[in-house]
Amino acid sequence: MPILCYEISGDSSPNERSTTGAEDGHIAAVIKGDHQEASAQLYSELAANRLAMFLGIPVLVGVPARRSIESTALRFAALRAAEAGLDIYDFTDEDRGDGDEDEDAEDAVEVPEGVYRNTGHVRAMAALCAKYPLEAAAIAVFDLWIGNEDRALNFKGQIRGADRGVIFALDQGSSLLSCRSTVDSSIDLLSRQDYPSFHPFQKLVNARYCGAMVERVVSMPDWAIEAATVYQDTVGNVILPDQYQCYEALRERKTILGGLVDRVLF
């Protein structure tokens, strides 16, 4: 699969101290923080991103960030993919319609019963999952583990043509301790074996690949989960005891992940 690149914004200039031709520049990003509807969005984006990086989930890279004029305010910077020149189907946009009257017969994708239709893009999602079965399975299983019920409209990919391109998920801000507006209500949801109850890739993913992804999550060491979720410092509105609750919830959810995958995705 081609390397997913990130967008360099504005002009760059030579780094005066570099002996290897390095330049000073800026990477485009979406800057996010906590707000009333998601009091733990900053923490959840950061923790979910680190978990995804360890597991090899195709999500946009994100980093903690702070403006140079601020001393304490922390933000999450989700880097923007460099989409120029790529034929990216934007699932974050309004539905383009499922009529497909102009689609060639050989490009038509069969849509099984029980697919998620609430946000449209049904045939495009089917095409995406058919072209990238391993990545789609990884995203779906990961979302169920971290309690992300907001994947719909939060992914993009190249679906036209025979060659493989890029697929990536974005925005995990409604997962983990931000499943709901408060940390306590989010922890309550994460403790349930029936949450999430749906996924946009349901009925479209490969069972064998999903099973392999479940095994990967289950075999993830506790130290790695702790490293991604516990920071020994307050992150936004999330204090250390809350971070440990998230860690324990993820450890517990490993034990029910296989059953959850079977119920939701197949």
C-alpha atoms as a PDB file:
ATOM      1  CA  MET A   1       0.000   0.000   0.000  1.00  0.00           C
ATOM      2  CA  PRO A   2       1.310   3.511  -0.792  1.00  0.00           C
ATOM      3  CA  ILE A   3       2.626   5.527   2.118  1.00  0.00           C
ATOM      4  CA  LEU A   4       0.072   7.933   3.549  1.00  0.00           C
ATOM      5  CA  CYS A   5       1.677  11.376   3.438  1.00  0.00           C
ATOM      6  CA  TYR A   6       0.773  14.515   5.367  1.00  0.00           C
ATOM      7  CA  GLU A   7       0.254  18.007   4.036  1.00  0.00           C
ATOM      8  CA  ILE A   8       3.049  20.560   4.340  1.00  0.00           C
ATOM      9  CA  SER A   9       1.391  23.969   4.587  1.00  0.00           C
ATOM     10  CA  GLY A  10       2.857  27.335   3.646  1.00  0.00           C
ATOM     11  CA  ASP A  11       6.455  28.001   2.754  1.00  0.00           C
ATOM     12  CA  SER A  12       9.484  26.376   4.298  1.00  0.00           C
ATOM     13  CA  SER A  13      12.892  27.902   4.854  1.00  0.00           C
ATOM     14  CA  PRO A  14      16.396  26.490   5.361  1.00  0.00           C
ATOM     15  CA  ASN A  15      17.240  25.477   8.890  1.00  0.00           C
ATOM     16  CA  GLU A  16      20.321  27.516   9.705  1.00  0.00           C
ATOM     17  CA  ARG A  17      21.796  24.879  12.018  1.00  0.00           C
ATOM     18  CA  SER A  18      21.275  21.916   9.732  1.00  0.00           C
ATOM     19  CA  THR A  19      24.210  20.322   7.938  1.00  0.00           C
ATOM     20  CA  THR A  20      21.945  17.973   5.953  1.00  0.00           C
ATOM     21  CA  GLY A  21      19.679  20.397   4.101  1.00  0.00           C
ATOM     22  CA  ALA A  22      16.805  20.333   6.614  1.00  0.00           C
ATOM     23  CA  GLU A  23      14.123  22.997   6.431  1.00  0.00           C
ATOM     24  CA  ASP A  24      11.817  24.690   8.916  1.00  0.00           C
ATOM     25  CA  GLY A  25       8.173  24.302   7.943  1.00  0.00           C
ATOM     26  CA  HIS A  26       4.623  23.612   9.069  1.00  0.00           C
ATOM     27  CA  ILE A  27       2.364  20.583   8.807  1.00  0.00           C
ATOM     28  CA  ALA A  28      -1.378  21.171   8.337  1.00  0.00           C
ATOM     29  CA  ALA A  29      -3.512  19.860  11.175  1.00  0.00           C
ATOM     30  CA  VAL A  30      -6.965  19.911  12.710  1.00  0.00           C
ATOM     31  CA  ILE A  31      -6.630  21.285  16.248  1.00  0.00           C
ATOM     32  CA  LYS A  32      -8.988  19.815  18.847  1.00  0.00           C
ATOM     33  CA  GLY A  33      -9.581  20.170  22.562  1.00  0.00           C
ATOM     34  CA  ASP A  34     -12.138  19.426  25.258  1.00  0.00           C
ATOM     35  CA  HIS A  35     -15.586  20.984  25.076  1.00  0.00           C
ATOM     36  CA  GLN A  36     -18.953  20.737  26.787  1.00  0.00           C
ATOM     37  CA  GLU A  37     -20.257  17.848  24.668  1.00  0.00           C
ATOM     38  CA  ALA A  38     -17.037  15.866  25.035  1.00  0.00           C
ATOM     39  CA  SER A  39     -15.189  16.768  28.218  1.00  0.00           C
ATOM     40  CA  ALA A  40     -12.478  14.150  27.596  1.00  0.00           C
ATOM     41  CA  GLN A  41     -12.029  14.529  23.836  1.00  0.00           C
ATOM     42  CA  LEU A  42      -8.382  15.588  24.074  1.00  0.00           C
ATOM     43  CA  TYR A  43      -7.380  12.592  26.180  1.00  0.00           C
ATOM     44  CA  SER A  44      -9.451  10.144  24.129  1.00  0.00           C
ATOM     45  CA  GLU A  45      -7.979  11.293  20.819  1.00  0.00           C
ATOM     46  CA  LEU A  46      -4.461  11.007  22.180  1.00  0.00           C
ATOM     47  CA  ALA A  47      -4.938   7.599  23.822  1.00  0.00           C
ATOM     48  CA  ALA A  48      -6.822   6.113  20.862  1.00  0.00           C
ATOM     49  CA  ASN A  49      -4.157   7.343  18.459  1.00  0.00           C
ATOM     50  CA  ARG A  50      -1.372   5.720  20.472  1.00  0.00           C
ATOM     51  CA  LEU A  51      -3.296   2.456  20.717  1.00  0.00           C
ATOM     52  CA  ALA A  52      -3.870   2.520  16.962  1.00  0.00           C
ATOM     53  CA  MET A  53      -0.204   3.137  16.222  1.00  0.00           C
ATOM     54  CA  PHE A  54       0.805   0.130  18.344  1.00  0.00           C
ATOM     55  CA  LEU A  55      -1.727  -2.132  16.617  1.00  0.00           C
ATOM     56  CA  GLY A  56      -1.045  -0.897  13.091  1.00  0.00           C
ATOM     57  CA  ILE A  57      -4.506   0.582  12.507  1.00  0.00           C
ATOM     58  CA  PRO A  58      -4.601   2.974   9.513  1.00  0.00           C
ATOM     59  CA  VAL A  59      -5.542   6.194  11.293  1.00  0.00           C
ATOM     60  CA  LEU A  60      -4.214   9.689  10.768  1.00  0.00           C
ATOM     61  CA  VAL A  61      -1.311  10.483  13.060  1.00  0.00           C
ATOM     62  CA  GLY A  62      -2.075  12.883  15.884  1.00  0.00           C
ATOM     63  CA  VAL A  63       0.130  14.542  18.461  1.00  0.00           C
ATOM     64  CA  PRO A  64      -0.299  16.633  21.616  1.00  0.00           C
ATOM     65  CA  ALA A  65       0.266  20.283  20.756  1.00  0.00           C
ATOM     66  CA  ARG A  66       0.502  23.682  22.387  1.00  0.00           C
ATOM     67  CA  ARG A  67       0.685  27.164  20.904  1.00  0.00           C
ATOM     68  CA  SER A  68       3.970  28.953  21.495  1.00  0.00           C
ATOM     69  CA  ILE A  69       2.181  31.873  23.163  1.00  0.00           C
ATOM     70  CA  GLU A  70       0.406  29.612  25.663  1.00  0.00           C
ATOM     71  CA  SER A  71       1.980  28.079  28.748  1.00  0.00           C
ATOM     72  CA  THR A  72      -0.530  25.434  29.772  1.00  0.00           C
ATOM     73  CA  ALA A  73      -3.378  24.877  27.272  1.00  0.00           C
ATOM     74  CA  LEU A  74      -2.948  21.459  25.637  1.00  0.00           C
ATOM     75  CA  ARG A  75      -4.514  20.530  22.309  1.00  0.00           C
ATOM     76  CA  PHE A  76      -4.640  17.498  20.044  1.00  0.00           C
ATOM     77  CA  ALA A  77      -3.358  18.085  16.526  1.00  0.00           C
ATOM     78  CA  ALA A  78      -4.636  15.573  13.976  1.00  0.00           C
ATOM     79  CA  LEU A  79      -2.383  15.881  10.942  1.00  0.00           C
ATOM     80  CA  ARG A  80      -4.062  16.457   7.578  1.00  0.00           C
ATOM     81  CA  ALA A  81      -3.471  13.884   4.875  1.00  0.00           C
ATOM     82  CA  ALA A  82      -1.925  15.173   1.651  1.00  0.00           C
ATOM     83  CA  GLU A  83      -4.836  14.420  -0.675  1.00  0.00           C
ATOM     84  CA  ALA A  84      -3.768  16.574  -3.637  1.00  0.00           C
ATOM     85  CA  GLY A  85      -3.507  14.452  -6.770  1.00  0.00           C
ATOM     86  CA  LEU A  86      -5.272  11.478  -5.168  1.00  0.00           C
ATOM     87  CA  ASP A  87      -8.734  10.301  -6.156  1.00  0.00           C
ATOM     88  CA  ILE A  88      -9.988  10.077  -2.574  1.00  0.00           C
ATOM     89  CA  TYR A  89     -13.591   9.183  -1.865  1.00  0.00           C
ATOM     90  CA  ASP A  90     -14.583  11.447   0.995  1.00  0.00           C
ATOM     91  CA  PHE A  91     -16.897   9.534   3.314  1.00  0.00           C
ATOM     92  CA  THR A  92     -16.947  12.608   5.593  1.00  0.00           C
ATOM     93  CA  ASP A  93     -18.914  14.491   2.930  1.00  0.00           C
ATOM     94  CA  GLU A  94     -22.605  14.290   2.118  1.00  0.00           C
ATOM     95  CA  ASP A  95     -23.739  11.055   0.501  1.00  0.00           C
ATOM     96  CA  ARG A  96     -23.199  11.078  -3.250  1.00  0.00           C
ATOM     97  CA  GLY A  97     -26.117   8.694  -3.681  1.00  0.00           C
ATOM     98  CA  ASP A  98     -26.361   4.952  -4.115  1.00  0.00           C
ATOM     99  CA  GLY A  99     -28.048   4.901  -7.480  1.00  0.00           C
ATOM    100  CA  ASP A 100     -24.779   4.295  -9.360  1.00  0.00           C
ATOM    101  CA  GLU A 101     -26.538   4.723 -12.712  1.00  0.00           C
ATOM    102  CA  ASP A 102     -23.257   5.801 -14.308  1.00  0.00           C
ATOM    103  CA  GLU A 103     -21.229   2.982 -12.833  1.00  0.00           C
ATOM    104  CA  ASP A 104     -19.843   0.311 -15.157  1.00  0.00           C
ATOM    105  CA  ALA A 105     -21.304  -3.136 -14.575  1.00  0.00           C
ATOM    106  CA  GLU A 106     -17.922  -4.614 -13.696  1.00  0.00           C
ATOM    107  CA  ASP A 107     -17.443  -1.958 -11.021  1.00  0.00           C
ATOM    108  CA  ALA A 108     -20.781  -2.593  -9.295  1.00  0.00           C
ATOM    109  CA  VAL A 109     -20.412  -4.008  -5.800  1.00  0.00           C
ATOM    110  CA  GLU A 110     -22.967  -6.323  -4.284  1.00  0.00           C
ATOM    111  CA  VAL A 111     -24.400  -4.991  -1.036  1.00  0.00           C
ATOM    112  CA  PRO A 112     -25.432  -7.697   1.469  1.00  0.00           C
ATOM    113  CA  GLU A 113     -28.447  -7.553   3.737  1.00  0.00           C
ATOM    114  CA  GLY A 114     -28.007  -5.879   7.112  1.00  0.00           C
ATOM    115  CA  VAL A 115     -25.468  -3.241   6.102  1.00  0.00           C
ATOM    116  CA  TYR A 116     -25.435   0.085   7.920  1.00  0.00           C
ATOM    117  CA  ARG A 117     -27.386   2.605   5.832  1.00  0.00           C
ATOM    118  CA  ASN A 118     -28.006   5.528   8.196  1.00  0.00           C
ATOM    119  CA  THR A 119     -25.289   7.753   6.740  1.00  0.00           C
ATOM    120  CA  GLY A 120     -25.457   6.627   3.115  1.00  0.00           C
ATOM    121  CA  HIS A 121     -22.381   5.861   0.986  1.00  0.00           C
ATOM    122  CA  VAL A 122     -23.494   2.213   1.072  1.00  0.00           C
ATOM    123  CA  ARG A 123     -22.050   1.018  -2.237  1.00  0.00           C
ATOM    124  CA  ALA A 124     -18.923   3.092  -1.713  1.00  0.00           C
ATOM    125  CA  MET A 125     -18.420   1.491   1.716  1.00  0.00           C
ATOM    126  CA  ALA A 126     -18.912  -1.940   0.196  1.00  0.00           C
ATOM    127  CA  ALA A 127     -16.336  -1.118  -2.472  1.00  0.00           C
ATOM    128  CA  LEU A 128     -13.899   0.163   0.147  1.00  0.00           C
ATOM    129  CA  CYS A 129     -14.207  -2.966   2.302  1.00  0.00           C
ATOM    130  CA  ALA A 130     -13.833  -5.191  -0.770  1.00  0.00           C
ATOM    131  CA  LYS A 131     -10.689  -3.388  -1.903  1.00  0.00           C
ATOM    132  CA  TYR A 132      -9.113  -3.111   1.563  1.00  0.00           C
ATOM    133  CA  PRO A 133     -10.462  -6.114   3.507  1.00  0.00           C
ATOM    134  CA  LEU A 134      -7.594  -6.297   5.988  1.00  0.00           C
ATOM    135  CA  GLU A 135      -7.631  -2.588   6.827  1.00  0.00           C
ATOM    136  CA  ALA A 136     -11.431  -2.410   7.059  1.00  0.00           C
ATOM    137  CA  ALA A 137     -11.471  -5.349   9.463  1.00  0.00           C
ATOM    138  CA  ALA A 138      -8.749  -3.756  11.583  1.00  0.00           C
ATOM    139  CA  ILE A 139     -10.633  -0.451  11.828  1.00  0.00           C
ATOM    140  CA  ALA A 140     -13.923  -2.148  12.679  1.00  0.00           C
ATOM    141  CA  VAL A 141     -12.508  -4.367  15.429  1.00  0.00           C
ATOM    142  CA  PHE A 142     -10.486  -1.500  16.875  1.00  0.00           C
ATOM    143  CA  ASP A 143     -13.578   0.719  17.005  1.00  0.00           C
ATOM    144  CA  LEU A 144     -15.530  -1.910  18.905  1.00  0.00           C
ATOM    145  CA  TRP A 145     -12.696  -2.315  21.401  1.00  0.00           C
ATOM    146  CA  ILE A 146     -12.343   1.407  22.166  1.00  0.00           C
ATOM    147  CA  GLY A 147     -16.097   2.018  22.170  1.00  0.00           C
ATOM    148  CA  ASN A 148     -16.123   4.234  19.094  1.00  0.00           C
ATOM    149  CA  GLU A 149     -19.707   4.517  17.852  1.00  0.00           C
ATOM    150  CA  ASP A 150     -18.823   7.502  15.672  1.00  0.00           C
ATOM    151  CA  ARG A 151     -16.877   5.918  12.802  1.00  0.00           C
ATOM    152  CA  ALA A 152     -19.564   6.669  10.216  1.00  0.00           C
ATOM    153  CA  LEU A 153     -18.450   9.644   8.080  1.00  0.00           C
ATOM    154  CA  ASN A 154     -14.991   9.551   9.666  1.00  0.00           C
ATOM    155  CA  PHE A 155     -12.845   7.747   7.123  1.00  0.00           C
ATOM    156  CA  LYS A 156     -11.591   8.203   3.573  1.00  0.00           C
ATOM    157  CA  GLY A 157     -10.066   6.015   0.885  1.00  0.00           C
ATOM    158  CA  GLN A 158      -9.250   5.484  -2.772  1.00  0.00           C
ATOM    159  CA  ILE A 159     -11.814   3.113  -4.229  1.00  0.00           C
ATOM    160  CA  ARG A 160     -11.601   3.714  -7.977  1.00  0.00           C
ATOM    161  CA  GLY A 161      -9.315   1.675 -10.183  1.00  0.00           C
ATOM    162  CA  ALA A 162      -7.704  -1.703  -9.717  1.00  0.00           C
ATOM    163  CA  ASP A 163      -4.555  -0.554  -7.934  1.00  0.00           C
ATOM    164  CA  ARG A 164      -4.502  -0.285  -4.162  1.00  0.00           C
ATOM    165  CA  GLY A 165      -4.257   3.223  -2.819  1.00  0.00           C
ATOM    166  CA  VAL A 166      -4.669   4.663   0.666  1.00  0.00           C
ATOM    167  CA  ILE A 167      -7.361   4.184   3.280  1.00  0.00           C
ATOM    168  CA  PHE A 168      -7.389   5.999   6.591  1.00  0.00           C
ATOM    169  CA  ALA A 169      -9.659   6.630   9.540  1.00  0.00           C
ATOM    170  CA  LEU A 170      -9.855   9.945  11.366  1.00  0.00           C
ATOM    171  CA  ASP A 171     -11.451  11.376  14.487  1.00  0.00           C
ATOM    172  CA  GLN A 172     -11.498   9.024  17.470  1.00  0.00           C
ATOM    173  CA  GLY A 173     -12.757  11.857  19.680  1.00  0.00           C
ATOM    174  CA  SER A 174     -15.982  10.033  20.575  1.00  0.00           C
ATOM    175  CA  SER A 175     -14.298   6.922  21.941  1.00  0.00           C
ATOM    176  CA  LEU A 176     -12.847   5.813  25.290  1.00  0.00           C
ATOM    177  CA  LEU A 177     -13.595   8.425  27.977  1.00  0.00           C
ATOM    178  CA  SER A 178     -15.445  10.567  25.445  1.00  0.00           C
ATOM    179  CA  CYS A 179     -18.091   8.037  24.407  1.00  0.00           C
ATOM    180  CA  ARG A 180     -20.520  10.412  26.068  1.00  0.00           C
ATOM    181  CA  SER A 181     -20.261  13.956  27.391  1.00  0.00           C
ATOM    182  CA  THR A 182     -18.815  12.969  30.785  1.00  0.00           C
ATOM    183  CA  VAL A 183     -16.114  10.580  31.921  1.00  0.00           C
ATOM    184  CA  ASP A 184     -18.428   8.694  34.283  1.00  0.00           C
ATOM    185  CA  SER A 185     -21.083   8.045  31.645  1.00  0.00           C
ATOM    186  CA  SER A 186     -18.367   6.961  29.210  1.00  0.00           C
ATOM    187  CA  ILE A 187     -16.926   4.482  31.704  1.00  0.00           C
ATOM    188  CA  ASP A 188     -20.416   3.076  32.213  1.00  0.00           C
ATOM    189  CA  LEU A 189     -20.745   2.490  28.477  1.00  0.00           C
ATOM    190  CA  LEU A 190     -17.312   0.891  28.188  1.00  0.00           C
ATOM    191  CA  SER A 191     -18.312  -1.584  30.897  1.00  0.00           C
ATOM    192  CA  ARG A 192     -21.227  -2.858  28.784  1.00  0.00           C
ATOM    193  CA  GLN A 193     -20.812  -5.938  26.623  1.00  0.00           C
ATOM    194  CA  ASP A 194     -23.303  -4.674  24.027  1.00  0.00           C
ATOM    195  CA  TYR A 195     -21.595  -1.381  23.235  1.00  0.00           C
ATOM    196  CA  PRO A 196     -21.185  -0.295  20.478  1.00  0.00           C
ATOM    197  CA  SER A 197     -24.283  -1.819  18.908  1.00  0.00           C
ATOM    198  CA  PHE A 198     -23.475  -1.038  15.259  1.00  0.00           C
ATOM    199  CA  HIS A 199     -20.628  -0.186  12.882  1.00  0.00           C
ATOM    200  CA  PRO A 200     -20.632   1.232   9.330  1.00  0.00           C
ATOM    201  CA  PHE A 201     -18.605  -1.776   8.135  1.00  0.00           C
ATOM    202  CA  GLN A 202     -21.008  -4.379   9.557  1.00  0.00           C
ATOM    203  CA  LYS A 203     -21.773  -7.213   7.115  1.00  0.00           C
ATOM    204  CA  LEU A 204     -18.988  -5.913   4.845  1.00  0.00           C
ATOM    205  CA  VAL A 205     -15.853  -7.202   6.590  1.00  0.00           C
ATOM    206  CA  ASN A 206     -14.008 -10.493   6.307  1.00  0.00           C
ATOM    207  CA  ALA A 207     -14.532 -12.829   9.293  1.00  0.00           C
ATOM    208  CA  ARG A 208     -11.031 -14.319   9.113  1.00  0.00           C
ATOM    209  CA  TYR A 209      -9.364 -10.920   9.104  1.00  0.00           C
ATOM    210  CA  CYS A 210     -11.577  -9.748  11.960  1.00  0.00           C
ATOM    211  CA  GLY A 211     -10.631 -12.842  13.953  1.00  0.00           C
ATOM    212  CA  ALA A 212      -6.961 -12.125  13.379  1.00  0.00           C
ATOM    213  CA  MET A 213      -7.451  -8.539  14.546  1.00  0.00           C
ATOM    214  CA  VAL A 214      -9.242  -9.712  17.682  1.00  0.00           C
ATOM    215  CA  GLU A 215      -6.243 -11.942  18.432  1.00  0.00           C
ATOM    216  CA  ARG A 216      -3.897  -8.995  17.916  1.00  0.00           C
ATOM    217  CA  VAL A 217      -5.847  -6.838  20.363  1.00  0.00           C
ATOM    218  CA  VAL A 218      -6.179  -9.633  22.925  1.00  0.00           C
ATOM    219  CA  SER A 219      -2.443 -10.290  22.768  1.00  0.00           C
ATOM    220  CA  MET A 220      -1.572  -6.606  23.243  1.00  0.00           C
ATOM    221  CA  PRO A 221       0.520  -6.442  26.435  1.00  0.00           C
ATOM    222  CA  ASP A 222      -0.899  -4.657  29.446  1.00  0.00           C
ATOM    223  CA  TRP A 223       2.211  -2.480  29.579  1.00  0.00           C
ATOM    224  CA  ALA A 224       1.458  -1.219  26.060  1.00  0.00           C
ATOM    225  CA  ILE A 225      -2.148  -0.398  26.924  1.00  0.00           C
ATOM    226  CA  GLU A 226      -0.995   1.387  30.053  1.00  0.00           C
ATOM    227  CA  ALA A 227       1.634   3.341  28.126  1.00  0.00           C
ATOM    228  CA  ALA A 228      -1.062   4.557  25.712  1.00  0.00           C
ATOM    229  CA  THR A 229      -3.670   5.444  28.310  1.00  0.00           C
ATOM    230  CA  VAL A 230      -1.855   6.525  31.505  1.00  0.00           C
ATOM    231  CA  TYR A 231       0.287   9.670  31.413  1.00  0.00           C
ATOM    232  CA  GLN A 232       1.162  10.350  35.060  1.00  0.00           C
ATOM    233  CA  ASP A 233      -0.319  13.812  34.581  1.00  0.00           C
ATOM    234  CA  THR A 234      -3.677  15.429  33.980  1.00  0.00           C
ATOM    235  CA  VAL A 235      -4.543  15.487  30.269  1.00  0.00           C
ATOM    236  CA  GLY A 236      -7.095  18.170  29.576  1.00  0.00           C
ATOM    237  CA  ASN A 237      -9.940  17.397  31.957  1.00  0.00           C
ATOM    238  CA  VAL A 238      -8.873  13.796  32.592  1.00  0.00           C
ATOM    239  CA  ILE A 239      -7.115  13.192  35.902  1.00  0.00           C
ATOM    240  CA  LEU A 240      -4.885  10.230  36.654  1.00  0.00           C
ATOM    241  CA  PRO A 241      -7.542   8.040  38.378  1.00  0.00           C
ATOM    242  CA  ASP A 242      -9.758   8.416  35.290  1.00  0.00           C
ATOM    243  CA  GLN A 243      -6.877   7.347  33.073  1.00  0.00           C
ATOM    244  CA  TYR A 244      -6.430   4.184  35.104  1.00  0.00           C
ATOM    245  CA  GLN A 245     -10.152   3.505  34.783  1.00  0.00           C
ATOM    246  CA  CYS A 246      -9.775   3.702  31.014  1.00  0.00           C
ATOM    247  CA  TYR A 247      -6.829   1.316  31.173  1.00  0.00           C
ATOM    248  CA  GLU A 248      -8.779  -1.200  33.251  1.00  0.00           C
ATOM    249  CA  ALA A 249     -11.829  -0.884  30.996  1.00  0.00           C
ATOM    250  CA  LEU A 250      -9.758  -1.717  27.917  1.00  0.00           C
ATOM    251  CA  ARG A 251      -8.218  -4.725  29.657  1.00  0.00           C
ATOM    252  CA  GLU A 252     -11.701  -5.966  30.506  1.00  0.00           C
ATOM    253  CA  ARG A 253     -13.027  -5.287  27.003  1.00  0.00           C
ATOM    254  CA  LYS A 254     -10.371  -7.574  25.559  1.00  0.00           C
ATOM    255  CA  THR A 255     -12.213 -10.473  27.189  1.00  0.00           C
ATOM    256  CA  ILE A 256     -15.538  -9.674  25.508  1.00  0.00           C
ATOM    257  CA  LEU A 257     -14.222  -8.399  22.171  1.00  0.00           C
ATOM    258  CA  GLY A 258     -14.654 -11.649  20.250  1.00  0.00           C
ATOM    259  CA  GLY A 259     -18.314 -11.945  21.156  1.00  0.00           C
ATOM    260  CA  LEU A 260     -18.941  -8.274  20.444  1.00  0.00           C
ATOM    261  CA  VAL A 261     -17.369  -8.603  16.997  1.00  0.00           C
ATOM    262  CA  ASP A 262     -19.532 -11.623  16.185  1.00  0.00           C
ATOM    263  CA  ARG A 263     -22.739  -9.864  17.239  1.00  0.00           C
ATOM    264  CA  VAL A 264     -22.125  -6.501  15.586  1.00  0.00           C
ATOM    265  CA  LEU A 265     -20.143  -7.225  12.436  1.00  0.00           C
ATOM    266  CA  PHE A 266     -21.687 -10.509  11.199  1.00  0.00           C
END
